[in-house]
Structures are given as C-alpha cells and as structure tokens.
Amino acid sequence: QVQLVESGGGLVQPGGTLRLSCAAAGGISSIYAMGWYHQAPGKQRELVAVIINGGRTNYGDRVKGRFAISRDNAKNTVSLQMNSLKPEDTAVYYCNAHLVLPTKDYWGQGTQVTVSS
C-alpha cells in the first residue's frame, strides 16, 4: 500500500511559476515510476510528466519545455516545477505511483492549480 500526499497548488498569474511536491510512504521499494497527471473540469485525466526508475522522463506535449519533473529517492518525493504557466494549465493535479509485478496504480488526493489574472 502506497500513500501519496501532494502539496504546492494554488492560484498564479499567467506566466508565473509553481512547484508541486508529492511525498510517498509505504511500499516505496515497489514503485517503478512516479508522475503527475492533471484533470480539468469535463475532461479526462491526462499525463503531465513521469519519471521512471533510473531517471528517464516523459512529458505531455503541452508542457514540454515548460515543466520539469524530478525525484528525490532519499526523501521519497517527486516534484513538478511548472514555469510559464498558462490559463489552460488550470486543473486538479494528481500524483501517481506506478508499481509493477503486479501492476497497480496509486493516486494522491489532488491539488488545485489555477492560472488566472
């Protein structure tokens, strides 16, 4: 059982920055990848960024070049640095931990990010 707790959301103006953090507890050694997804009202949850064991990263097309994901294995945290934020980045952001053997996904409770002037 993996517990995920997010922090760092809030209201920011267009062009601003925010940093999200997610702390993981329990079952840490079984985590294959950690990432961030977001979900806007009326839309499906979609990938923002993921970091796989070993450090390989993957980003959603809309955030490439603006967001950066990082992981601190010693602290069991994953962070998302969001730069040049746009109104369309407004969504609830969820931390995800992906386990394999067996495959299972865990989700945090979500944190709201609102980009508005």
PDB file of N, CA and C in Angstrom:
ATOM      1  N   GLN A   1       0.848  -1.188   0.000  1.00  0.00           N
ATOM      2  CA  GLN A   1       0.000   0.000   0.000  1.00  0.00           C
ATOM      3  C   GLN A   1       0.888   1.243   0.000  1.00  0.00           C
ATOM      4  N   VAL A   2       0.669   2.124  -0.974  1.00  0.00           N
ATOM      5  CA  VAL A   2       1.431   3.361  -1.100  1.00  0.00           C
ATOM      6  C   VAL A   2       0.503   4.531  -0.811  1.00  0.00           C
ATOM      7  N   GLN A   3       0.954   5.423   0.045  1.00  0.00           N
ATOM      8  CA  GLN A   3       0.205   6.650   0.323  1.00  0.00           C
ATOM      9  C   GLN A   3       0.943   7.829  -0.306  1.00  0.00           C
ATOM     10  N   LEU A   4       0.187   8.688  -0.973  1.00  0.00           N
ATOM     11  CA  LEU A   4       0.752   9.839  -1.655  1.00  0.00           C
ATOM     12  C   LEU A   4       0.078  11.106  -1.143  1.00  0.00           C
ATOM     13  N   VAL A   5       0.879  12.101  -0.797  1.00  0.00           N
ATOM     14  CA  VAL A   5       0.342  13.363  -0.304  1.00  0.00           C
ATOM     15  C   VAL A   5       0.960  14.496  -1.112  1.00  0.00           C
ATOM     16  N   GLU A   6       0.098  15.242  -1.805  1.00  0.00           N
ATOM     17  CA  GLU A   6       0.565  16.351  -2.638  1.00  0.00           C
ATOM     18  C   GLU A   6       0.510  17.665  -1.874  1.00  0.00           C
ATOM     19  N   SER A   7       1.321  18.600  -2.331  1.00  0.00           N
ATOM     20  CA  SER A   7       1.295  19.956  -1.806  1.00  0.00           C
ATOM     21  C   SER A   7       1.800  20.908  -2.867  1.00  0.00           C
ATOM     22  N   GLY A   8       1.471  22.189  -2.706  1.00  0.00           N
ATOM     23  CA  GLY A   8       2.050  23.206  -3.569  1.00  0.00           C
ATOM     24  C   GLY A   8       1.124  23.836  -4.585  1.00  0.00           C
ATOM     25  N   GLY A   9      -0.111  23.411  -4.656  1.00  0.00           N
ATOM     26  CA  GLY A   9      -1.009  24.038  -5.611  1.00  0.00           C
ATOM     27  C   GLY A   9      -1.411  25.437  -5.177  1.00  0.00           C
ATOM     28  N   GLY A  10      -2.176  26.110  -6.028  1.00  0.00           N
ATOM     29  CA  GLY A  10      -2.639  27.444  -5.682  1.00  0.00           C
ATOM     30  C   GLY A  10      -3.008  28.256  -6.899  1.00  0.00           C
ATOM     31  N   LEU A  11      -3.135  29.553  -6.688  1.00  0.00           N
ATOM     32  CA  LEU A  11      -3.501  30.494  -7.742  1.00  0.00           C
ATOM     33  C   LEU A  11      -2.261  31.262  -8.187  1.00  0.00           C
ATOM     34  N   VAL A  12      -2.071  31.331  -9.483  1.00  0.00           N
ATOM     35  CA  VAL A  12      -0.910  32.034 -10.024  1.00  0.00           C
ATOM     36  C   VAL A  12      -1.331  32.764 -11.297  1.00  0.00           C
ATOM     37  N   GLN A  13      -0.658  33.859 -11.593  1.00  0.00           N
ATOM     38  CA  GLN A  13      -0.958  34.611 -12.810  1.00  0.00           C
ATOM     39  C   GLN A  13      -0.322  33.951 -14.022  1.00  0.00           C
ATOM     40  N   PRO A  14      -0.875  34.171 -15.196  1.00  0.00           N
ATOM     41  CA  PRO A  14      -0.246  33.647 -16.413  1.00  0.00           C
ATOM     42  C   PRO A  14       1.211  34.091 -16.514  1.00  0.00           C
ATOM     43  N   GLY A  15       2.057  33.153 -16.893  1.00  0.00           N
ATOM     44  CA  GLY A  15       3.489  33.414 -16.963  1.00  0.00           C
ATOM     45  C   GLY A  15       4.222  33.125 -15.671  1.00  0.00           C
ATOM     46  N   GLY A  16       3.483  32.838 -14.615  1.00  0.00           N
ATOM     47  CA  GLY A  16       4.085  32.584 -13.320  1.00  0.00           C
ATOM     48  C   GLY A  16       4.586  31.161 -13.155  1.00  0.00           C
ATOM     49  N   THR A  17       5.061  30.866 -11.952  1.00  0.00           N
ATOM     50  CA  THR A  17       5.614  29.550 -11.657  1.00  0.00           C
ATOM     51  C   THR A  17       4.972  28.976 -10.397  1.00  0.00           C
ATOM     52  N   LEU A  18       4.924  27.654 -10.352  1.00  0.00           N
ATOM     53  CA  LEU A  18       4.508  26.915  -9.169  1.00  0.00           C
ATOM     54  C   LEU A  18       5.338  25.650  -9.085  1.00  0.00           C
ATOM     55  N   ARG A  19       5.503  25.154  -7.886  1.00  0.00           N
ATOM     56  CA  ARG A  19       6.195  23.886  -7.691  1.00  0.00           C
ATOM     57  C   ARG A  19       5.308  22.976  -6.869  1.00  0.00           C
ATOM     58  N   LEU A  20       5.008  21.821  -7.418  1.00  0.00           N
ATOM     59  CA  LEU A  20       4.228  20.804  -6.716  1.00  0.00           C
ATOM     60  C   LEU A  20       5.163  19.740  -6.152  1.00  0.00           C
ATOM     61  N   SER A  21       4.803  19.239  -4.988  1.00  0.00           N
ATOM     62  CA  SER A  21       5.569  18.150  -4.391  1.00  0.00           C
ATOM     63  C   SER A  21       4.636  17.036  -3.976  1.00  0.00           C
ATOM     64  N   CYS A  22       5.155  15.833  -3.997  1.00  0.00           N
ATOM     65  CA  CYS A  22       4.385  14.651  -3.609  1.00  0.00           C
ATOM     66  C   CYS A  22       5.280  13.771  -2.757  1.00  0.00           C
ATOM     67  N   ALA A  23       4.818  13.471  -1.559  1.00  0.00           N
ATOM     68  CA  ALA A  23       5.570  12.597  -0.660  1.00  0.00           C
ATOM     69  C   ALA A  23       4.933  11.221  -0.650  1.00  0.00           C
ATOM     70  N   ALA A  24       5.744  10.205  -0.822  1.00  0.00           N
ATOM     71  CA  ALA A  24       5.273   8.823  -0.859  1.00  0.00           C
ATOM     72  C   ALA A  24       5.675   8.100   0.415  1.00  0.00           C
ATOM     73  N   ALA A  25       4.773   7.238   0.884  1.00  0.00           N
ATOM     74  CA  ALA A  25       5.056   6.424   2.060  1.00  0.00           C
ATOM     75  C   ALA A  25       4.458   5.039   1.854  1.00  0.00           C
ATOM     76  N   GLY A  26       5.170   4.009   2.347  1.00  0.00           N
ATOM     77  CA  GLY A  26       4.657   2.646   2.249  1.00  0.00           C
ATOM     78  C   GLY A  26       4.892   2.036   0.888  1.00  0.00           C
ATOM     79  N   GLY A  27       5.500   0.892   0.834  1.00  0.00           N
ATOM     80  CA  GLY A  27       5.681   0.194  -0.438  1.00  0.00           C
ATOM     81  C   GLY A  27       6.598   0.893  -1.408  1.00  0.00           C
ATOM     82  N   ILE A  28       7.502   1.714  -0.886  1.00  0.00           N
ATOM     83  CA  ILE A  28       8.359   2.545  -1.732  1.00  0.00           C
ATOM     84  C   ILE A  28       9.190   1.696  -2.678  1.00  0.00           C
ATOM     85  N   SER A  29       9.706   0.596  -2.194  1.00  0.00           N
ATOM     86  CA  SER A  29      10.630  -0.214  -2.995  1.00  0.00           C
ATOM     87  C   SER A  29       9.948  -0.823  -4.203  1.00  0.00           C
ATOM     88  N   SER A  30       8.625  -0.850  -4.227  1.00  0.00           N
ATOM     89  CA  SER A  30       7.895  -1.461  -5.340  1.00  0.00           C
ATOM     90  C   SER A  30       7.529  -0.463  -6.427  1.00  0.00           C
ATOM     91  N   ILE A  31       7.845   0.809  -6.209  1.00  0.00           N
ATOM     92  CA  ILE A  31       7.458   1.833  -7.176  1.00  0.00           C
ATOM     93  C   ILE A  31       8.376   1.779  -8.388  1.00  0.00           C
ATOM     94  N   TYR A  32       7.779   1.675  -9.582  1.00  0.00           N
ATOM     95  CA  TYR A  32       8.543   1.653 -10.830  1.00  0.00           C
ATOM     96  C   TYR A  32       8.657   3.054 -11.414  1.00  0.00           C
ATOM     97  N   ALA A  33       7.594   3.828 -11.300  1.00  0.00           N
ATOM     98  CA  ALA A  33       7.590   5.183 -11.853  1.00  0.00           C
ATOM     99  C   ALA A  33       6.682   6.061 -11.005  1.00  0.00           C
ATOM    100  N   MET A  34       6.993   7.352 -11.001  1.00  0.00           N
ATOM    101  CA  MET A  34       6.120   8.320 -10.355  1.00  0.00           C
ATOM    102  C   MET A  34       5.871   9.447 -11.330  1.00  0.00           C
ATOM    103  N   GLY A  35       4.681  10.024 -11.218  1.00  0.00           N
ATOM    104  CA  GLY A  35       4.373  11.065 -12.181  1.00  0.00           C
ATOM    105  C   GLY A  35       3.259  11.970 -11.717  1.00  0.00           C
ATOM    106  N   TRP A  36       2.938  12.891 -12.590  1.00  0.00           N
ATOM    107  CA  TRP A  36       1.861  13.847 -12.363  1.00  0.00           C
ATOM    108  C   TRP A  36       0.891  13.789 -13.546  1.00  0.00           C
ATOM    109  N   TYR A  37      -0.370  13.832 -13.199  1.00  0.00           N
ATOM    110  CA  TYR A  37      -1.443  13.899 -14.180  1.00  0.00           C
ATOM    111  C   TYR A  37      -2.333  15.082 -13.804  1.00  0.00           C
ATOM    112  N   HIS A  38      -3.040  15.627 -14.762  1.00  0.00           N
ATOM    113  CA  HIS A  38      -3.997  16.656 -14.416  1.00  0.00           C
ATOM    114  C   HIS A  38      -5.335  16.389 -15.088  1.00  0.00           C
ATOM    115  N   GLN A  39      -6.357  16.966 -14.452  1.00  0.00           N
ATOM    116  CA  GLN A  39      -7.714  16.788 -14.954  1.00  0.00           C
ATOM    117  C   GLN A  39      -8.472  18.094 -14.804  1.00  0.00           C
ATOM    118  N   ALA A  40      -8.875  18.628 -15.942  1.00  0.00           N
ATOM    119  CA  ALA A  40      -9.684  19.850 -15.969  1.00  0.00           C
ATOM    120  C   ALA A  40     -11.161  19.461 -15.952  1.00  0.00           C
ATOM    121  N   PRO A  41     -12.026  20.365 -15.519  1.00  0.00           N
ATOM    122  CA  PRO A  41     -13.462  20.039 -15.464  1.00  0.00           C
ATOM    123  C   PRO A  41     -13.992  19.575 -16.811  1.00  0.00           C
ATOM    124  N   GLY A  42     -14.679  18.450 -16.804  1.00  0.00           N
ATOM    125  CA  GLY A  42     -15.276  17.919 -18.019  1.00  0.00           C
ATOM    126  C   GLY A  42     -14.315  17.231 -18.956  1.00  0.00           C
ATOM    127  N   LYS A  43     -13.064  17.073 -18.545  1.00  0.00           N
ATOM    128  CA  LYS A  43     -12.067  16.445 -19.406  1.00  0.00           C
ATOM    129  C   LYS A  43     -11.478  15.218 -18.730  1.00  0.00           C
ATOM    130  N   GLN A  44     -10.831  14.387 -19.535  1.00  0.00           N
ATOM    131  CA  GLN A  44     -10.195  13.198 -18.994  1.00  0.00           C
ATOM    132  C   GLN A  44      -8.876  13.547 -18.310  1.00  0.00           C
ATOM    133  N   ARG A  45      -8.503  12.715 -17.376  1.00  0.00           N
ATOM    134  CA  ARG A  45      -7.202  12.873 -16.729  1.00  0.00           C
ATOM    135  C   ARG A  45      -6.114  12.557 -17.759  1.00  0.00           C
ATOM    136  N   GLU A  46      -5.085  13.381 -17.821  1.00  0.00           N
ATOM    137  CA  GLU A  46      -4.032  13.166 -18.805  1.00  0.00           C
ATOM    138  C   GLU A  46      -2.655  13.357 -18.196  1.00  0.00           C
ATOM    139  N   LEU A  47      -1.695  12.750 -18.843  1.00  0.00           N
ATOM    140  CA  LEU A  47      -0.325  12.786 -18.362  1.00  0.00           C
ATOM    141  C   LEU A  47       0.262  14.191 -18.453  1.00  0.00           C
ATOM    142  N   VAL A  48       0.921  14.599 -17.374  1.00  0.00           N
ATOM    143  CA  VAL A  48       1.729  15.814 -17.398  1.00  0.00           C
ATOM    144  C   VAL A  48       3.198  15.434 -17.532  1.00  0.00           C
ATOM    145  N   ALA A  49       3.677  14.603 -16.610  1.00  0.00           N
ATOM    146  CA  ALA A  49       5.080  14.190 -16.635  1.00  0.00           C
ATOM    147  C   ALA A  49       5.235  12.930 -15.798  1.00  0.00           C
ATOM    148  N   VAL A  50       6.204  12.121 -16.167  1.00  0.00           N
ATOM    149  CA  VAL A  50       6.505  10.899 -15.428  1.00  0.00           C
ATOM    150  C   VAL A  50       8.005  10.703 -15.378  1.00  0.00           C
ATOM    151  N   ILE A  51       8.471  10.162 -14.270  1.00  0.00           N
ATOM    152  CA  ILE A  51       9.889   9.837 -14.125  1.00  0.00           C
ATOM    153  C   ILE A  51       9.991   8.379 -13.706  1.00  0.00           C
ATOM    154  N   ILE A  52      10.779   7.638 -14.461  1.00  0.00           N
ATOM    155  CA  ILE A  52      10.901   6.203 -14.267  1.00  0.00           C
ATOM    156  C   ILE A  52      12.177   5.907 -13.494  1.00  0.00           C
ATOM    157  N   ASN A  53      12.193   4.786 -12.752  1.00  0.00           N
ATOM    158  CA  ASN A  53      13.412   4.388 -12.044  1.00  0.00           C
ATOM    159  C   ASN A  53      14.590   4.425 -13.008  1.00  0.00           C
ATOM    160  N   GLY A  54      15.649   5.061 -12.563  1.00  0.00           N
ATOM    161  CA  GLY A  54      16.811   5.249 -13.443  1.00  0.00           C
ATOM    162  C   GLY A  54      16.879   6.649 -13.989  1.00  0.00           C
ATOM    163  N   GLY A  55      15.762   7.396 -13.857  1.00  0.00           N
ATOM    164  CA  GLY A  55      15.786   8.814 -14.193  1.00  0.00           C
ATOM    165  C   GLY A  55      15.188   9.204 -15.532  1.00  0.00           C
ATOM    166  N   ARG A  56      14.752   8.237 -16.328  1.00  0.00           N
ATOM    167  CA  ARG A  56      14.163   8.619 -17.629  1.00  0.00           C
ATOM    168  C   ARG A  56      12.846   9.327 -17.411  1.00  0.00           C
ATOM    169  N   THR A  57      12.611  10.394 -18.187  1.00  0.00           N
ATOM    170  CA  THR A  57      11.406  11.198 -18.033  1.00  0.00           C
ATOM    171  C   THR A  57      10.606  11.246 -19.321  1.00  0.00           C
ATOM    172  N   ASN A  58       9.324  11.523 -19.161  1.00  0.00           N
ATOM    173  CA  ASN A  58       8.451  11.693 -20.309  1.00  0.00           C
ATOM    174  C   ASN A  58       7.438  12.788 -19.959  1.00  0.00           C
ATOM    175  N   TYR A  59       7.131  13.648 -20.950  1.00  0.00           N
ATOM    176  CA  TYR A  59       6.253  14.778 -20.713  1.00  0.00           C
ATOM    177  C   TYR A  59       5.101  14.790 -21.708  1.00  0.00           C
ATOM    178  N   GLY A  60       3.960  15.327 -21.239  1.00  0.00           N
ATOM    179  CA  GLY A  60       2.871  15.579 -22.167  1.00  0.00           C
ATOM    180  C   GLY A  60       3.276  16.669 -23.138  1.00  0.00           C
ATOM    181  N   ASP A  61       2.742  16.620 -24.336  1.00  0.00           N
ATOM    182  CA  ASP A  61       3.150  17.560 -25.378  1.00  0.00           C
ATOM    183  C   ASP A  61       2.920  19.011 -24.972  1.00  0.00           C
ATOM    184  N   ARG A  62       1.872  19.269 -24.242  1.00  0.00           N
ATOM    185  CA  ARG A  62       1.519  20.654 -23.929  1.00  0.00           C
ATOM    186  C   ARG A  62       2.436  21.282 -22.887  1.00  0.00           C
ATOM    187  N   VAL A  63       3.232  20.488 -22.189  1.00  0.00           N
ATOM    188  CA  VAL A  63       4.063  21.058 -21.128  1.00  0.00           C
ATOM    189  C   VAL A  63       5.554  20.947 -21.426  1.00  0.00           C
ATOM    190  N   LYS A  64       5.913  20.301 -22.513  1.00  0.00           N
ATOM    191  CA  LYS A  64       7.327  20.144 -22.843  1.00  0.00           C
ATOM    192  C   LYS A  64       8.002  21.507 -22.947  1.00  0.00           C
ATOM    193  N   GLY A  65       9.152  21.612 -22.295  1.00  0.00           N
ATOM    194  CA  GLY A  65       9.911  22.853 -22.323  1.00  0.00           C
ATOM    195  C   GLY A  65       9.486  23.841 -21.246  1.00  0.00           C
ATOM    196  N   ARG A  66       8.354  23.568 -20.585  1.00  0.00           N
ATOM    197  CA  ARG A  66       7.896  24.483 -19.534  1.00  0.00           C
ATOM    198  C   ARG A  66       7.923  23.845 -18.151  1.00  0.00           C
ATOM    199  N   PHE A  67       7.666  22.562 -18.088  1.00  0.00           N
ATOM    200  CA  PHE A  67       7.613  21.850 -16.805  1.00  0.00           C
ATOM    201  C   PHE A  67       8.811  20.918 -16.682  1.00  0.00           C
ATOM    202  N   ALA A  68       9.205  20.652 -15.441  1.00  0.00           N
ATOM    203  CA  ALA A  68      10.302  19.718 -15.187  1.00  0.00           C
ATOM    204  C   ALA A  68       9.967  18.854 -13.976  1.00  0.00           C
ATOM    205  N   ILE A  69      10.090  17.545 -14.158  1.00  0.00           N
ATOM    206  CA  ILE A  69       9.825  16.619 -13.059  1.00  0.00           C
ATOM    207  C   ILE A  69      11.144  16.129 -12.484  1.00  0.00           C
ATOM    208  N   SER A  70      11.159  15.944 -11.179  1.00  0.00           N
ATOM    209  CA  SER A  70      12.364  15.436 -10.524  1.00  0.00           C
ATOM    210  C   SER A  70      11.951  14.535  -9.364  1.00  0.00           C
ATOM    211  N   ARG A  71      12.858  13.695  -8.961  1.00  0.00           N
ATOM    212  CA  ARG A  71      12.565  12.732  -7.891  1.00  0.00           C
ATOM    213  C   ARG A  71      13.733  12.699  -6.921  1.00  0.00           C
ATOM    214  N   ASP A  72      13.435  12.715  -5.657  1.00  0.00           N
ATOM    215  CA  ASP A  72      14.442  12.598  -4.611  1.00  0.00           C
ATOM    216  C   ASP A  72      14.209  11.255  -3.923  1.00  0.00           C
ATOM    217  N   ASN A  73      15.004  10.275  -4.282  1.00  0.00           N
ATOM    218  CA  ASN A  73      14.801   8.925  -3.744  1.00  0.00           C
ATOM    219  C   ASN A  73      15.071   8.863  -2.245  1.00  0.00           C
ATOM    220  N   ALA A  74      15.995   9.690  -1.769  1.00  0.00           N
ATOM    221  CA  ALA A  74      16.318   9.674  -0.342  1.00  0.00           C
ATOM    222  C   ALA A  74      15.138  10.160   0.492  1.00  0.00           C
ATOM    223  N   LYS A  75      14.374  11.107  -0.068  1.00  0.00           N
ATOM    224  CA  LYS A  75      13.234  11.662   0.665  1.00  0.00           C
ATOM    225  C   LYS A  75      11.911  11.069   0.208  1.00  0.00           C
ATOM    226  N   ASN A  76      11.959  10.191  -0.789  1.00  0.00           N
ATOM    227  CA  ASN A  76      10.734   9.582  -1.320  1.00  0.00           C
ATOM    228  C   ASN A  76       9.739  10.634  -1.797  1.00  0.00           C
ATOM    229  N   THR A  77      10.249  11.605  -2.520  1.00  0.00           N
ATOM    230  CA  THR A  77       9.390  12.661  -3.052  1.00  0.00           C
ATOM    231  C   THR A  77       9.586  12.811  -4.557  1.00  0.00           C
ATOM    232  N   VAL A  78       8.542  13.299  -5.197  1.00  0.00           N
ATOM    233  CA  VAL A  78       8.616  13.674  -6.601  1.00  0.00           C
ATOM    234  C   VAL A  78       8.053  15.082  -6.706  1.00  0.00           C
ATOM    235  N   SER A  79       8.715  15.916  -7.512  1.00  0.00           N
ATOM    236  CA  SER A  79       8.324  17.313  -7.622  1.00  0.00           C
ATOM    237  C   SER A  79       8.081  17.676  -9.077  1.00  0.00           C
ATOM    238  N   LEU A  80       7.252  18.687  -9.254  1.00  0.00           N
ATOM    239  CA  LEU A  80       6.968  19.186 -10.588  1.00  0.00           C
ATOM    240  C   LEU A  80       7.160  20.694 -10.573  1.00  0.00           C
ATOM    241  N   GLN A  81       8.177  21.157 -11.266  1.00  0.00           N
ATOM    242  CA  GLN A  81       8.425  22.588 -11.413  1.00  0.00           C
ATOM    243  C   GLN A  81       7.674  23.060 -12.643  1.00  0.00           C
ATOM    244  N   MET A  82       6.745  23.988 -12.449  1.00  0.00           N
ATOM    245  CA  MET A  82       5.916  24.469 -13.550  1.00  0.00           C
ATOM    246  C   MET A  82       6.254  25.925 -13.827  1.00  0.00           C
ATOM    247  N   ASN A  83       6.753  26.194 -15.015  1.00  0.00           N
ATOM    248  CA  ASN A  83       7.137  27.542 -15.428  1.00  0.00           C
ATOM    249  C   ASN A  83       6.252  27.988 -16.584  1.00  0.00           C
ATOM    250  N   SER A  84       6.239  29.301 -16.798  1.00  0.00           N
ATOM    251  CA  SER A  84       5.474  29.873 -17.911  1.00  0.00           C
ATOM    252  C   SER A  84       4.052  29.331 -17.945  1.00  0.00           C
ATOM    253  N   LEU A  85       3.398  29.382 -16.816  1.00  0.00           N
ATOM    254  CA  LEU A  85       2.069  28.795 -16.706  1.00  0.00           C
ATOM    255  C   LEU A  85       1.052  29.537 -17.563  1.00  0.00           C
ATOM    256  N   LYS A  86       0.125  28.771 -18.116  1.00  0.00           N
ATOM    257  CA  LYS A  86      -0.920  29.303 -18.984  1.00  0.00           C
ATOM    258  C   LYS A  86      -2.297  29.004 -18.374  1.00  0.00           C
ATOM    259  N   PRO A  87      -3.296  29.790 -18.720  1.00  0.00           N
ATOM    260  CA  PRO A  87      -4.645  29.508 -18.210  1.00  0.00           C
ATOM    261  C   PRO A  87      -5.097  28.076 -18.487  1.00  0.00           C
ATOM    262  N   GLU A  88      -4.669  27.521 -19.608  1.00  0.00           N
ATOM    263  CA  GLU A  88      -5.081  26.153 -19.932  1.00  0.00           C
ATOM    264  C   GLU A  88      -4.397  25.099 -19.074  1.00  0.00           C
ATOM    265  N   ASP A  89      -3.449  25.510 -18.244  1.00  0.00           N
ATOM    266  CA  ASP A  89      -2.852  24.568 -17.281  1.00  0.00           C
ATOM    267  C   ASP A  89      -3.731  24.399 -16.044  1.00  0.00           C
ATOM    268  N   THR A  90      -4.765  25.207 -15.943  1.00  0.00           N
ATOM    269  CA  THR A  90      -5.669  25.115 -14.803  1.00  0.00           C
ATOM    270  C   THR A  90      -6.317  23.749 -14.735  1.00  0.00           C
ATOM    271  N   ALA A  91      -6.160  23.087 -13.592  1.00  0.00           N
ATOM    272  CA  ALA A  91      -6.687  21.729 -13.421  1.00  0.00           C
ATOM    273  C   ALA A  91      -6.380  21.261 -12.009  1.00  0.00           C
ATOM    274  N   VAL A  92      -6.935  20.120 -11.663  1.00  0.00           N
ATOM    275  CA  VAL A  92      -6.502  19.420 -10.460  1.00  0.00           C
ATOM    276  C   VAL A  92      -5.338  18.518 -10.859  1.00  0.00           C
ATOM    277  N   TYR A  93      -4.263  18.607 -10.112  1.00  0.00           N
ATOM    278  CA  TYR A  93      -3.057  17.837 -10.403  1.00  0.00           C
ATOM    279  C   TYR A  93      -2.946  16.681  -9.404  1.00  0.00           C
ATOM    280  N   TYR A  94      -2.759  15.483  -9.948  1.00  0.00           N
ATOM    281  CA  TYR A  94      -2.695  14.273  -9.148  1.00  0.00           C
ATOM    282  C   TYR A  94      -1.313  13.638  -9.248  1.00  0.00           C
ATOM    283  N   CYS A  95      -0.793  13.257  -8.121  1.00  0.00           N
ATOM    284  CA  CYS A  95       0.451  12.484  -8.075  1.00  0.00           C
ATOM    285  C   CYS A  95       0.116  11.013  -8.277  1.00  0.00           C
ATOM    286  N   ASN A  96       0.958  10.329  -9.014  1.00  0.00           N
ATOM    287  CA  ASN A  96       0.747   8.909  -9.301  1.00  0.00           C
ATOM    288  C   ASN A  96       1.999   8.105  -8.995  1.00  0.00           C
ATOM    289  N   ALA A  97       1.777   6.934  -8.433  1.00  0.00           N
ATOM    290  CA  ALA A  97       2.862   5.956  -8.262  1.00  0.00           C
ATOM    291  C   ALA A  97       2.449   4.686  -8.993  1.00  0.00           C
ATOM    292  N   HIS A  98       3.310   4.247  -9.882  1.00  0.00           N
ATOM    293  CA  HIS A  98       3.017   3.069 -10.699  1.00  0.00           C
ATOM    294  C   HIS A  98       3.907   1.918 -10.260  1.00  0.00           C
ATOM    295  N   LEU A  99       3.274   0.826  -9.885  1.00  0.00           N
ATOM    296  CA  LEU A  99       4.006  -0.355  -9.454  1.00  0.00           C
ATOM    297  C   LEU A  99       3.867  -1.455 -10.500  1.00  0.00           C
ATOM    298  N   VAL A 100       4.838  -2.348 -10.542  1.00  0.00           N
ATOM    299  CA  VAL A 100       4.769  -3.498 -11.428  1.00  0.00           C
ATOM    300  C   VAL A 100       4.958  -4.777 -10.620  1.00  0.00           C
ATOM    301  N   LEU A 101       4.450  -5.888 -11.192  1.00  0.00           N
ATOM    302  CA  LEU A 101       4.589  -7.196 -10.591  1.00  0.00           C
ATOM    303  C   LEU A 101       4.043  -7.272  -9.178  1.00  0.00           C
ATOM    304  N   PRO A 102       2.729  -7.157  -8.975  1.00  0.00           N
ATOM    305  CA  PRO A 102       1.734  -6.918 -10.021  1.00  0.00           C
ATOM    306  C   PRO A 102       1.571  -5.429 -10.329  1.00  0.00           C
ATOM    307  N   THR A 103       0.988  -5.163 -11.482  1.00  0.00           N
ATOM    308  CA  THR A 103       0.765  -3.779 -11.880  1.00  0.00           C
ATOM    309  C   THR A 103      -0.335  -3.157 -11.034  1.00  0.00           C
ATOM    310  N   LYS A 104      -0.053  -1.974 -10.500  1.00  0.00           N
ATOM    311  CA  LYS A 104      -1.040  -1.262  -9.685  1.00  0.00           C
ATOM    312  C   LYS A 104      -0.680   0.203  -9.675  1.00  0.00           C
ATOM    313  N   ASP A 105      -1.708   1.043  -9.675  1.00  0.00           N
ATOM    314  CA  ASP A 105      -1.500   2.485  -9.613  1.00  0.00           C
ATOM    315  C   ASP A 105      -2.110   3.047  -8.338  1.00  0.00           C
ATOM    316  N   TYR A 106      -1.384   3.959  -7.727  1.00  0.00           N
ATOM    317  CA  TYR A 106      -1.871   4.688  -6.572  1.00  0.00           C
ATOM    318  C   TYR A 106      -1.931   6.168  -6.914  1.00  0.00           C
ATOM    319  N   TRP A 107      -2.917   6.852  -6.309  1.00  0.00           N
ATOM    320  CA  TRP A 107      -3.125   8.271  -6.599  1.00  0.00           C
ATOM    321  C   TRP A 107      -3.194   9.087  -5.324  1.00  0.00           C
ATOM    322  N   GLY A 108      -2.694  10.313  -5.402  1.00  0.00           N
ATOM    323  CA  GLY A 108      -2.878  11.243  -4.313  1.00  0.00           C
ATOM    324  C   GLY A 108      -4.266  11.843  -4.361  1.00  0.00           C
ATOM    325  N   GLN A 109      -4.537  12.729  -3.428  1.00  0.00           N
ATOM    326  CA  GLN A 109      -5.873  13.305  -3.321  1.00  0.00           C
ATOM    327  C   GLN A 109      -6.097  14.435  -4.312  1.00  0.00           C
ATOM    328  N   GLY A 110      -5.046  14.930  -4.905  1.00  0.00           N
ATOM    329  CA  GLY A 110      -5.142  16.008  -5.878  1.00  0.00           C
ATOM    330  C   GLY A 110      -4.930  17.373  -5.259  1.00  0.00           C
ATOM    331  N   THR A 111      -4.360  18.264  -6.049  1.00  0.00           N
ATOM    332  CA  THR A 111      -4.152  19.639  -5.612  1.00  0.00           C
ATOM    333  C   THR A 111      -4.540  20.574  -6.763  1.00  0.00           C
ATOM    334  N   GLN A 112      -5.285  21.619  -6.439  1.00  0.00           N
ATOM    335  CA  GLN A 112      -5.802  22.519  -7.458  1.00  0.00           C
ATOM    336  C   GLN A 112      -4.733  23.515  -7.883  1.00  0.00           C
ATOM    337  N   VAL A 113      -4.591  23.666  -9.185  1.00  0.00           N
ATOM    338  CA  VAL A 113      -3.749  24.712  -9.769  1.00  0.00           C
ATOM    339  C   VAL A 113      -4.648  25.581 -10.644  1.00  0.00           C
ATOM    340  N   THR A 114      -4.654  26.860 -10.345  1.00  0.00           N
ATOM    341  CA  THR A 114      -5.459  27.812 -11.113  1.00  0.00           C
ATOM    342  C   THR A 114      -4.558  28.900 -11.656  1.00  0.00           C
ATOM    343  N   VAL A 115      -4.592  29.072 -12.978  1.00  0.00           N
ATOM    344  CA  VAL A 115      -3.785  30.102 -13.636  1.00  0.00           C
ATOM    345  C   VAL A 115      -4.745  31.145 -14.179  1.00  0.00           C
ATOM    346  N   SER A 116      -4.718  32.307 -13.559  1.00  0.00           N
ATOM    347  CA  SER A 116      -5.675  33.348 -13.921  1.00  0.00           C
ATOM    348  C   SER A 116      -5.157  34.707 -13.488  1.00  0.00           C
ATOM    349  N   SER A 117      -5.511  35.709 -14.283  1.00  0.00           N
ATOM    350  CA  SER A 117      -5.149  37.073 -13.910  1.00  0.00           C
ATOM    351  C   SER A 117      -6.275  37.737 -13.127  1.00  0.00           C
TER     352      SER A 117
END
